[in-house]
Amino acid sequence: MSYMESGQFVDWDKMIDLEKDSPVVLSRIDSNLLKQYARQGYWSKSHSLRTKIYEQIIKAVSCRTVTPDAEVYKDIVGKITGKKNASTLPMPEFVNGSAVPNYCLNTDGIVAVRKIVVCISNQFPDISFCPVLPAIVALLLHYSTDEADCFEKVCRLLACNDRTKHFIDQTFLAYESSCMTFGDLANKYCQGAHKLIVSASEDVLEVYSNWLRWIFGDLPFNYAVRVLDIFFVEGFKVLYRVALAVLKFFRKVRIRQSEKSADIRTDIQNFIQGIADHVPIEKLLDKAFSIRLFSRKEIRLLRDANEKALKQKGITVNQKRHNVHLAVNVENFKSEVVSAKEMREIWSWIPERFALCQPMLIFTTSDDGYSLTRFYARCEGYEPTIILIKTTEAEVCGAYLSTDWIERRQGGNKLSYFGTGECFVFKLQPEMERYEWVIIKHPEIEASKSLREACSEAPQQPGILDTENPLEQSLLNSSEEPSDRLSPFLATRHFNLTSKATSMFMAGSAESIIIGGGSCPALYIDGNLNRGTTGHSSTFDNLPLCSETFQISVLEVWGFQNIMPN
């Protein structure tokens, strides 16, 4: 099959650098080399080789027994489209208004995409939300012999029944949880861009809800198809990487602009559509793979937790989500420690699944007294919580704590640490700074045989795509639990840490509260909730959060409404 045979829908005048200095077309690429070749762009200039590779990859996808194939398409396409003008065929509701990207297709190609998507809708009635499907079909049409062949390829991706692989979200719940997960990752790995978006948007998640369309829809064809190469070989994680890299470059361009529009969603879209003027594809991919992301297992746990939170809130179909800024209502919010604006800033730092909820004051020294016993009595049963402290010097600091304080009882009378890597500490006055778990910014602190290294660069087995390392696979299998018993995201048992100090998140006894550990706690509060100390902790790698020895004026603990107490 020559490249022209698989490119009848392509406007070749718009294609650049194809078949020039292209590699020798092999009959089959060794699966162990696919990852290396995909990242290097080995077949990026050869239409014929990419066609062969895609065929090899997609044929290896494990699908359910009855999966529509090319023959099914030939049988149904005439019945479904009838004598209608195919160019005016209405697209299924599940694409949510997504247009067919041009992607260097000719007029027949654009029409073919519409026909294929409509036929997929007929064969997959369970698809309820899939805005990126037109883009995926348009890309694969380049590398298909005809419409039926493209239809079969996309159907195999949609019908994949291997839970270790993930190609295309098909429900609003799955799509929305991926957007929340991307928001969480942006919050941790693109703090500058995230802060910019928070300051410029009334609804942060509304901006992040387009993250997949940035890649499949807004990126130019030669960028999107390079991402697709790697996505097919390495899986969904690469999409998070690329979108994070896009955000990093967008921020660099944005801060250099003298005049900034008020519509940051449109600004991001315009930047991505014109990204070739700013960032070559190789530089974008280099940036993407320089980001030390969590393991696939951790990302799956985060997605599961976000999906569970959406279910608990009854958000399972397409609807507008309560946004971050409105969660902290200016008129109703009252605190002696922070302003509504400062609380909004804190809310922009917390995991997306809890940003769904309203803040709720559960303890304050002003009403409940300076009593550690009463602190525990009020706080037990709530997870997570936020501690806010105002000192007598008008300094303000605090901590986001992922775990119920009742866990302190697991150690008996002995002071023992608990919590997860989602904990973080911060200061607000006189200046604002957040300090997250040290492993997030310095993953090299893990032992050399850590889960991260074990699962990140493992060679693939022949014929298997997106293969999990055996260690990670065993952990994935062990996490197949009921949704109410999901393994916590960033639990320390998932990491092989070189020092216990890096996992000293929170501890409590009758005498004190401690947050962060090592040579010095990030926060130490005495049993009278009256005095405290702060210093550099190994857990958060933080600077002192206020004066190193301080007296408490007011201490508040905030929980999250609409989360059932444990």
Foldseek 3Di string as FASTA:
>chain_A
DALCLLAVFFQVVPDPQAPPPADDQDQDDWLLCLLVCLLVCNHLRYSQNVLNHLVLLLVLFAFPPDFDALVNLVVCLCVQCPPPDLLPDDADCQLVPAQQAPLRTDPVLSSLLRSLRSVVCVVCVVQRHFNLSSLQLSLCSSSASDSRRSSRSVRSLVRRPDVLAHDTDRFPLLLLLVLLLLLLVCLQQVVVLLVVLLVLDPFSSVLSSCLVCLLRPQAHNSLNVSLVSNCSFAHDLLSSLLSSLLSNQLSVVQVPDPDDDSDVSVSSSVCRNVVVVPDDSSRSSVSSVVQLDDFPLLSVLSSLVLSVLCVLVVNGHDDDADGLLVLLPQVPDDDPQDHSVVVSVVLSNARSSQSSFHKDWQDKCVPQNLAVVVVLVRQALFAWKKKWFQFPVRWIWIKTFGDGQVCLCVVPQDKDAAGFQSIWIWTPPPHTDIFGFPCNVPVVQFDPPWLSVQFPDDRDDGSDGSDGRPVVVVVNVVQPDPSVPGDDNRGCVNTRGPDVQLRRAWIDHCFWIFGGADPFTQWIAGRSSFKIAGAQHNNRRDHRRDHRITTTPMMIMIGTPSDGGD
